[in-house]
Amino acid sequence: MPVELFPGFASVSLPTSGGDLYARVGGLEEAPALLLLHGFPQSHLCWHPVAADLAKDFRIIALDLKGYGRSAAPTGDGGRQIYAKRTMAAEAVEFMSQLGYERFSVAGHDRGAQVAYQMALSMPQHVERLAVLDNLPVHAVWDVIDSSPGALPHWTAMAQPTPQAENALTTDVIEALVQAHTADGTLECFALEALEQYRRTWQQPQRIHAFCEDYRAGATTDREADYQDLKAGRTITCPTVIIWGAEFLGKGRETPLDCWRRTFSPEATGVEVPNGHFVTEESPRETLAALRDLMAL
């Protein structure tokens, strides 16, 4: 019998303007709500190492973003709006509203971090606290790519037009990419039950298309949204923590905290955790402590 990674959590699927979204929901019903957003190429399952502990004191909503996991994966529009992070942020807010939460905290990893910070910038009335896990503002990543050709090649490869990007994104390519982002270069940090479910989605053409649309939006609409926000002087005003892996973003030209402070979150605090990019699975104890510290503010 398969291992239940979210014991005691309900399975919830609700309609939004972008299609049905799926989440695991659990924890204390009257406690402050914490929305958890995963990244590429994962799903809500990436939160299982920390969700049960957080559920002791908070209401936890671990969501599958549009295109991922068990949520809807509609055909995209070339990265213009359907998979834009502001769009996905608005859909997540719709989902939370249907659960009865108009204001909540949000933690996002990787692509989920992009959705989370857009939520904090464009819909600050809904966000009490923000955690950004191992990612930078979209425009900052593209600045690195522009100044260092060959850096983060999957960002440019996945942003290529349909069907070029989709045809190149095979299961083997995804697995190799994931391995390259872990500190030890293996998949050992992932629970077998989670990895098996990830792999099933990596074989589904509609999900592969959604992944590429996500990155196409990052290369165009999301990047332009960042520049508009910077020009307008918008900043994140809620308590914010930046969490990153020492063996991934910790090796960059500046710390992630410095990057966020000079762009969108001048008052952010930061925590470097051991290991690589997949911080909830590679460094769950340290990541959990950082999230609990944020929720205590």
Protein backbone atom coordinates (compact mmCIF):
# COMPACT_ATOMS: atom_id res chain seq x y z
CA MET A 1 0.00 0.00 0.00
CA PRO A 2 1.44 3.42 -0.93
CA VAL A 3 2.76 5.60 1.89
CA GLU A 4 0.54 8.60 2.71
CA LEU A 5 2.80 11.65 2.61
CA PHE A 6 0.14 13.98 4.07
CA PRO A 7 -1.56 11.95 6.81
CA GLY A 8 -4.69 13.62 8.14
CA PHE A 9 -4.84 16.12 5.27
CA ALA A 10 -7.94 16.41 3.09
CA SER A 11 -7.81 16.42 -0.70
CA VAL A 12 -9.52 19.52 -2.10
CA SER A 13 -10.20 20.48 -5.72
CA LEU A 14 -11.88 23.81 -6.46
CA PRO A 15 -12.70 25.74 -9.64
CA THR A 16 -10.90 28.99 -10.43
CA SER A 17 -10.84 31.29 -13.43
CA GLY A 18 -7.87 29.31 -14.74
CA GLY A 19 -9.33 25.84 -14.16
CA ASP A 20 -9.61 23.47 -11.23
CA LEU A 21 -6.80 23.61 -8.68
CA TYR A 22 -5.92 20.79 -6.29
CA ALA A 23 -4.48 21.00 -2.78
CA ARG A 24 -3.91 19.02 0.37
CA VAL A 25 -5.41 20.89 3.31
CA GLY A 26 -4.80 20.13 6.97
CA GLY A 27 -3.82 21.40 10.38
CA LEU A 28 -5.64 23.56 12.88
CA GLU A 29 -8.85 24.93 11.36
CA GLU A 30 -8.90 28.21 13.31
CA ALA A 31 -5.16 28.83 13.11
CA PRO A 32 -3.38 31.28 10.77
CA ALA A 33 -3.31 29.95 7.20
CA LEU A 34 -0.07 29.22 5.33
CA LEU A 35 -0.24 28.61 1.58
CA LEU A 36 2.60 26.44 0.22
CA LEU A 37 3.56 26.72 -3.47
CA HIS A 38 5.96 24.27 -5.13
CA GLY A 39 8.24 24.75 -8.11
CA PHE A 40 9.26 23.01 -11.34
CA PRO A 41 9.08 20.07 -11.97
CA GLN A 42 7.37 19.10 -8.73
CA SER A 43 3.98 19.40 -7.04
CA HIS A 44 2.57 19.97 -3.56
CA LEU A 45 4.38 16.75 -2.56
CA CYS A 46 7.66 18.66 -2.13
CA TRP A 47 6.26 20.06 1.13
CA HIS A 48 5.67 16.71 2.81
CA PRO A 49 8.89 16.83 4.90
CA VAL A 50 7.69 19.97 6.73
CA ALA A 51 3.88 20.01 6.34
CA ALA A 52 2.99 17.72 9.24
CA ASP A 53 5.06 19.74 11.71
CA LEU A 54 3.67 23.05 10.48
CA ALA A 55 0.14 21.63 10.72
CA LYS A 56 0.55 21.33 14.50
CA ASP A 57 0.15 25.11 14.78
CA PHE A 58 -1.18 26.41 11.46
CA ARG A 59 -3.75 25.72 8.76
CA ILE A 60 -1.69 24.36 5.87
CA ILE A 61 -2.76 24.52 2.23
CA ALA A 62 -0.27 22.76 -0.07
CA LEU A 63 -1.40 23.69 -3.57
CA ASP A 64 -0.63 22.26 -7.00
CA LEU A 65 -0.06 25.22 -9.30
CA LYS A 66 -1.87 25.31 -12.62
CA GLY A 67 -0.17 22.90 -15.01
CA TYR A 68 1.36 20.81 -12.24
CA GLY A 69 0.43 17.79 -10.13
CA ARG A 70 -3.33 17.22 -10.12
CA SER A 71 -4.39 20.74 -11.11
CA ALA A 72 -5.73 21.69 -14.53
CA ALA A 73 -3.19 22.05 -17.34
CA PRO A 74 -4.85 24.20 -20.01
CA THR A 75 -3.29 24.92 -23.37
CA GLY A 76 -1.18 28.05 -23.14
CA ASP A 77 -0.94 31.21 -25.20
CA GLY A 78 2.80 31.36 -25.76
CA GLY A 79 3.58 32.71 -22.32
CA ARG A 80 1.47 35.85 -22.58
CA GLN A 81 -1.16 35.57 -19.82
CA ILE A 82 -2.40 32.05 -19.08
CA TYR A 83 0.80 30.99 -17.28
CA ALA A 84 1.93 34.46 -16.23
CA LYS A 85 2.76 34.55 -12.54
CA ARG A 86 0.34 37.38 -11.77
CA THR A 87 -2.40 35.27 -13.34
CA MET A 88 -1.40 32.22 -11.33
CA ALA A 89 -1.18 34.33 -8.17
CA ALA A 90 -4.73 35.61 -8.72
CA GLU A 91 -5.95 32.03 -9.18
CA ALA A 92 -4.30 30.96 -5.94
CA VAL A 93 -6.02 33.86 -4.17
CA GLU A 94 -9.35 32.68 -5.65
CA PHE A 95 -8.69 29.20 -4.29
CA MET A 96 -7.88 30.54 -0.82
CA SER A 97 -10.97 32.76 -0.83
CA GLN A 98 -13.17 29.73 -1.48
CA LEU A 99 -11.61 28.08 1.58
CA GLY A 100 -12.52 31.17 3.60
CA TYR A 101 -9.12 32.87 3.72
CA GLU A 102 -8.86 36.42 2.40
CA ARG A 103 -5.55 37.04 4.15
CA PHE A 104 -2.84 34.45 4.72
CA SER A 105 0.89 33.79 4.65
CA VAL A 106 2.54 32.23 1.60
CA ALA A 107 5.74 30.29 1.05
CA GLY A 108 6.91 29.52 -2.47
CA HIS A 109 9.79 27.45 -3.82
CA ASP A 110 11.32 27.94 -7.26
CA ARG A 111 8.48 28.80 -9.71
CA GLY A 112 6.12 28.91 -6.74
CA ALA A 113 8.33 31.64 -5.30
CA GLN A 114 7.67 33.69 -8.43
CA VAL A 115 3.92 33.29 -7.95
CA ALA A 116 4.26 34.12 -4.25
CA TYR A 117 6.25 37.33 -4.69
CA GLN A 118 3.94 38.53 -7.45
CA MET A 119 1.07 37.97 -5.05
CA ALA A 120 2.84 40.07 -2.42
CA LEU A 121 3.58 42.84 -4.95
CA SER A 122 0.29 43.00 -6.84
CA MET A 123 -2.18 41.81 -4.18
CA PRO A 124 -0.56 42.81 -0.87
CA GLN A 125 -3.91 42.97 0.91
CA HIS A 126 -4.00 39.17 0.85
CA VAL A 127 -0.46 38.42 2.06
CA GLU A 128 0.50 38.55 5.74
CA ARG A 129 3.99 37.03 5.46
CA LEU A 130 6.14 35.80 2.59
CA ALA A 131 8.84 33.13 2.32
CA VAL A 132 10.85 32.87 -0.90
CA LEU A 133 12.66 29.54 -1.18
CA ASP A 134 15.71 29.35 -3.43
CA ASN A 135 14.81 31.75 -6.18
CA LEU A 136 15.50 35.29 -7.35
CA PRO A 137 13.24 37.84 -9.03
CA VAL A 138 12.58 36.76 -12.61
CA HIS A 139 14.31 39.76 -14.14
CA ALA A 140 17.41 39.18 -12.01
CA VAL A 141 17.77 35.64 -13.34
CA TRP A 142 17.44 36.88 -16.91
CA ASP A 143 20.03 39.58 -16.20
CA VAL A 144 22.44 36.81 -15.19
CA ILE A 145 21.61 34.84 -18.34
CA ASP A 146 22.09 37.92 -20.53
CA SER A 147 25.45 38.75 -18.96
CA SER A 148 26.69 35.14 -18.84
CA PRO A 149 25.58 33.28 -21.97
CA GLY A 150 25.13 29.61 -21.19
CA ALA A 151 24.05 30.18 -17.60
CA LEU A 152 20.87 28.30 -16.62
CA PRO A 153 20.39 26.84 -20.11
CA HIS A 154 17.05 25.24 -19.23
CA TRP A 155 15.52 28.71 -18.76
CA THR A 156 16.24 29.56 -22.39
CA ALA A 157 15.59 26.05 -23.77
CA MET A 158 12.16 25.76 -22.15
CA ALA A 159 11.19 29.23 -23.33
CA GLN A 160 11.61 28.24 -26.99
CA PRO A 161 8.43 28.17 -29.12
CA THR A 162 6.01 25.26 -29.32
CA PRO A 163 6.73 22.44 -30.13
CA GLN A 164 10.50 22.86 -30.05
CA ALA A 165 10.73 23.17 -26.27
CA GLU A 166 8.18 20.44 -25.59
CA ASN A 167 9.90 17.95 -27.90
CA ALA A 168 13.22 18.48 -26.14
CA LEU A 169 11.86 18.15 -22.60
CA THR A 170 11.95 14.39 -22.17
CA THR A 171 11.74 12.52 -18.87
CA ASP A 172 15.47 11.84 -19.03
CA VAL A 173 16.19 15.53 -19.52
CA ILE A 174 14.03 16.47 -16.53
CA GLU A 175 15.65 13.85 -14.30
CA ALA A 176 19.13 15.05 -15.26
CA LEU A 177 18.11 18.64 -14.58
CA VAL A 178 16.76 17.74 -11.14
CA GLN A 179 19.93 15.83 -10.28
CA ALA A 180 22.06 18.80 -11.30
CA HIS A 181 20.19 20.97 -8.79
CA THR A 182 20.81 18.72 -5.76
CA ALA A 183 23.95 19.04 -3.68
CA ASP A 184 25.01 15.41 -4.20
CA GLY A 185 23.93 15.12 -7.82
CA THR A 186 21.47 12.31 -7.09
CA LEU A 187 17.74 11.86 -6.44
CA GLU A 188 18.34 10.41 -2.98
CA CYS A 189 16.75 13.38 -1.20
CA PHE A 190 13.32 12.62 -2.66
CA ALA A 191 10.90 10.19 -1.05
CA LEU A 192 10.25 7.33 -3.44
CA GLU A 193 6.47 7.90 -3.28
CA ALA A 194 6.91 11.55 -4.25
CA LEU A 195 9.43 10.79 -6.99
CA GLU A 196 7.13 8.21 -8.55
CA GLN A 197 4.31 10.75 -8.73
CA TYR A 198 6.63 13.41 -10.14
CA ARG A 199 7.74 10.98 -12.83
CA ARG A 200 4.16 10.24 -13.84
CA THR A 201 3.54 13.91 -14.54
CA TRP A 202 6.81 14.17 -16.48
CA GLN A 203 5.35 11.69 -18.98
CA GLN A 204 2.14 13.63 -19.63
CA PRO A 205 2.22 15.83 -22.78
CA GLN A 206 -0.19 18.40 -21.34
CA ARG A 207 2.07 18.84 -18.30
CA ILE A 208 5.20 19.14 -20.44
CA HIS A 209 3.43 21.85 -22.42
CA ALA A 210 2.43 23.61 -19.19
CA PHE A 211 6.01 23.51 -17.88
CA CYS A 212 7.24 25.16 -21.07
CA GLU A 213 4.47 27.76 -20.99
CA ASP A 214 5.50 28.57 -17.42
CA TYR A 215 9.04 29.29 -18.63
CA ARG A 216 7.83 31.15 -21.73
CA ALA A 217 5.89 33.46 -19.44
CA GLY A 218 9.02 33.91 -17.35
CA ALA A 219 10.99 35.01 -20.40
CA THR A 220 8.40 37.57 -21.48
CA THR A 221 5.38 38.64 -19.44
CA ASP A 222 6.86 37.94 -16.01
CA ARG A 223 10.12 39.68 -16.82
CA GLU A 224 8.28 42.74 -18.12
CA ALA A 225 6.07 42.78 -15.02
CA ASP A 226 9.21 42.96 -12.89
CA TYR A 227 10.53 45.92 -14.85
CA GLN A 228 7.18 47.69 -14.51
CA ASP A 229 7.16 47.10 -10.77
CA LEU A 230 10.73 48.32 -10.40
CA LYS A 231 9.97 51.45 -12.42
CA ALA A 232 6.92 52.12 -10.27
CA GLY A 233 8.96 51.62 -7.10
CA ARG A 234 6.75 48.81 -5.79
CA THR A 235 8.18 46.82 -2.91
CA ILE A 236 7.07 43.96 -0.70
CA THR A 237 5.95 45.37 2.63
CA CYS A 238 5.00 42.28 4.61
CA PRO A 239 7.52 40.37 6.78
CA THR A 240 9.65 38.36 4.35
CA VAL A 241 12.32 35.69 4.65
CA ILE A 242 14.58 34.56 1.83
CA ILE A 243 15.76 30.94 2.20
CA TRP A 244 18.40 29.45 -0.09
CA GLY A 245 20.65 26.42 -0.46
CA ALA A 246 24.33 26.97 0.17
CA GLU A 247 25.28 24.67 -2.71
CA PHE A 248 23.01 26.31 -5.27
CA LEU A 249 22.07 30.00 -5.06
CA GLY A 250 24.62 30.31 -2.29
CA LYS A 251 27.29 30.10 -4.97
CA GLY A 252 26.00 33.10 -6.93
CA ARG A 253 27.73 36.43 -7.53
CA GLU A 254 25.69 37.99 -4.71
CA THR A 255 23.62 36.45 -1.97
CA PRO A 256 19.92 35.98 -2.69
CA LEU A 257 19.18 38.22 0.28
CA ASP A 258 21.25 41.04 -1.20
CA CYS A 259 19.45 40.62 -4.53
CA TRP A 260 16.01 40.78 -2.96
CA ARG A 261 16.92 43.74 -0.75
CA ARG A 262 18.12 45.82 -3.72
CA THR A 263 15.05 44.97 -5.80
CA PHE A 264 11.69 44.20 -4.19
CA SER A 265 12.16 43.50 -0.48
CA PRO A 266 14.46 45.98 1.26
CA GLU A 267 13.47 44.79 4.74
CA ALA A 268 13.76 41.04 4.10
CA THR A 269 15.72 38.71 6.33
CA GLY A 270 17.65 35.74 5.03
CA VAL A 271 18.59 32.18 5.97
CA GLU A 272 21.13 30.03 4.14
CA VAL A 273 20.50 26.31 4.61
CA PRO A 274 22.81 23.41 3.72
CA ASN A 275 22.75 21.49 0.45
CA GLY A 276 21.15 22.36 -2.88
CA HIS A 277 18.10 23.82 -4.55
CA PHE A 278 15.39 21.52 -3.17
CA VAL A 279 15.52 22.96 0.32
CA THR A 280 12.41 21.34 1.82
CA GLU A 281 13.65 17.89 0.82
CA GLU A 282 17.41 18.36 1.17
CA SER A 283 17.38 20.47 4.34
CA PRO A 284 13.95 20.03 5.95
CA ARG A 285 15.00 20.75 9.53
CA GLU A 286 16.63 24.08 8.73
CA THR A 287 13.89 25.09 6.30
CA LEU A 288 11.20 24.27 8.84
CA ALA A 289 12.94 26.39 11.47
CA ALA A 290 13.09 29.36 9.09
CA LEU A 291 9.39 29.04 8.22
CA ARG A 292 8.43 28.79 11.88
CA ASP A 293 10.48 31.90 12.68
CA LEU A 294 8.63 33.78 9.95
CA MET A 295 5.22 32.63 11.18
CA ALA A 296 6.12 33.81 14.69
CA LEU A 297 6.50 37.43 13.54
